[in-house]
Protein backbone atom coordinates (compact mmCIF):
# COMPACT_ATOMS: atom_id res chain seq x y z
CA LEU A 1 10.55 25.45 11.83
CA HIS A 2 7.35 23.68 12.21
CA THR A 3 6.33 20.36 14.15
CA SER A 4 3.19 18.76 12.91
CA SER A 5 0.91 16.60 15.61
CA GLY A 6 0.57 14.21 12.65
CA GLY A 7 -2.28 13.44 10.27
CA GLY A 8 -1.88 10.08 9.10
CA PHE A 9 0.51 10.20 6.66
CA CYS A 10 4.34 9.40 6.33
CA ASP A 11 6.74 11.91 5.44
CA CYS A 12 9.00 9.25 3.69
CA GLY A 13 10.76 10.56 0.82
CA ASP A 14 10.45 14.17 1.83
CA VAL A 15 13.98 15.48 2.29
CA GLU A 16 13.05 18.39 4.31
CA ALA A 17 11.16 16.51 6.69
CA TRP A 18 13.82 14.16 7.92
CA ARG A 19 17.47 15.04 9.66
CA GLN A 20 18.83 12.03 7.90
CA ASP A 21 17.74 9.16 5.30
CA PRO A 22 14.35 10.37 4.24
CA PHE A 23 12.44 7.26 5.40
CA CYS A 24 10.76 5.85 8.56
CA ARG A 25 11.79 2.68 10.01
CA ARG A 26 8.58 1.23 8.37
CA HIS A 27 9.40 2.55 4.89
CA SER A 28 13.18 2.18 4.62
CA PRO A 29 14.40 0.40 1.55
CA SER A 30 15.54 -2.68 3.61
CA VAL A 31 12.68 -3.13 5.73
CA SER A 32 10.22 -2.84 2.36
CA ALA A 33 12.36 -5.50 0.63
CA SER A 34 12.12 -7.83 3.82
CA MET A 35 8.13 -7.01 3.98
CA ASP A 36 7.69 -7.87 0.33
CA GLN A 37 9.27 -11.17 0.95
CA SER A 38 7.08 -11.92 3.88
CA SER A 39 4.01 -10.72 2.50
CA ASN A 40 3.82 -13.34 -0.26
CA ASP A 41 3.69 -16.22 2.59
CA THR A 42 0.02 -16.11 3.39
CA PRO A 43 -0.92 -19.22 5.48
CA GLY A 44 -3.35 -21.41 3.64
CA ASP A 45 -6.15 -21.30 5.98
CA VAL A 46 -6.05 -17.49 5.63
CA THR A 47 -6.31 -17.58 2.07
CA GLU A 48 -9.15 -20.06 2.04
CA GLU A 49 -11.32 -17.79 4.41
CA MET A 50 -10.41 -14.82 2.05
CA VAL A 51 -11.80 -16.55 -0.96
CA ARG A 52 -15.18 -17.78 1.20
CA LEU A 53 -15.45 -14.21 2.23
CA ARG A 54 -15.25 -13.03 -1.20
CA SER A 55 -17.94 -15.22 -2.61
CA ARG A 56 -20.13 -14.07 0.13
CA LEU A 57 -19.50 -10.63 -0.59
CA PHE A 58 -20.00 -10.93 -4.43
CA SER A 59 -23.53 -12.89 -3.47
CA LEU A 60 -25.07 -9.63 -1.99
CA PRO A 61 -27.61 -7.64 -4.13
CA ASP A 62 -25.88 -4.48 -5.58
CA ASP A 63 -27.99 -2.18 -3.49
CA ILE A 64 -26.92 -3.57 -0.24
CA ALA A 65 -23.29 -3.87 -1.18
CA CYS A 66 -23.31 -0.13 -2.21
CA ARG A 67 -24.80 0.92 1.08
CA ALA A 68 -22.55 -1.22 3.19
CA GLY A 69 -19.71 0.45 1.26
CA VAL A 70 -21.36 4.22 1.78
CA LEU A 71 -21.49 3.23 5.79
CA PHE A 72 -18.38 1.69 6.44
CA ARG A 73 -16.12 3.91 4.64
CA PRO A 74 -15.79 6.37 7.26
CA LEU A 75 -15.20 3.55 9.76
CA LEU A 76 -12.69 1.98 7.74
CA ASN A 77 -10.96 5.57 7.25
CA SER A 78 -10.78 6.11 10.69
CA ILE A 79 -9.30 2.44 11.70
CA ARG A 80 -6.57 3.31 8.82
CA LEU A 81 -5.57 6.39 10.38
CA CYS A 82 -5.68 5.10 13.75
CA LEU A 83 -3.33 2.00 12.94
CA LEU A 84 -1.19 4.48 11.13
CA ASP A 85 -0.69 6.51 14.10
CA LEU A 86 0.35 3.19 16.30
CA VAL A 87 2.90 2.21 13.40
CA GLN A 88 4.42 5.65 13.59
CA VAL A 89 4.74 5.48 17.36
CA ILE A 90 6.72 2.14 17.29
């Protein structure tokens, strides 16, 4: 038997990784259904800001956008892993 320190991936669906239902609290079918309903309720001001941000990003020259993507990708991956660790702790 082996206990992992966690690598940022959820073991949902892996029946060998769970004693009972093979889902964590975040990914259980009942939670997923309620999250799908709430995710459609984006406030109008957030939607407007996303549209403005998208138009600014698309107005950047291609070479700058590509370089920014290369530079930000490792940072965004690190942020994603940190957030996944926080969610699994909760």
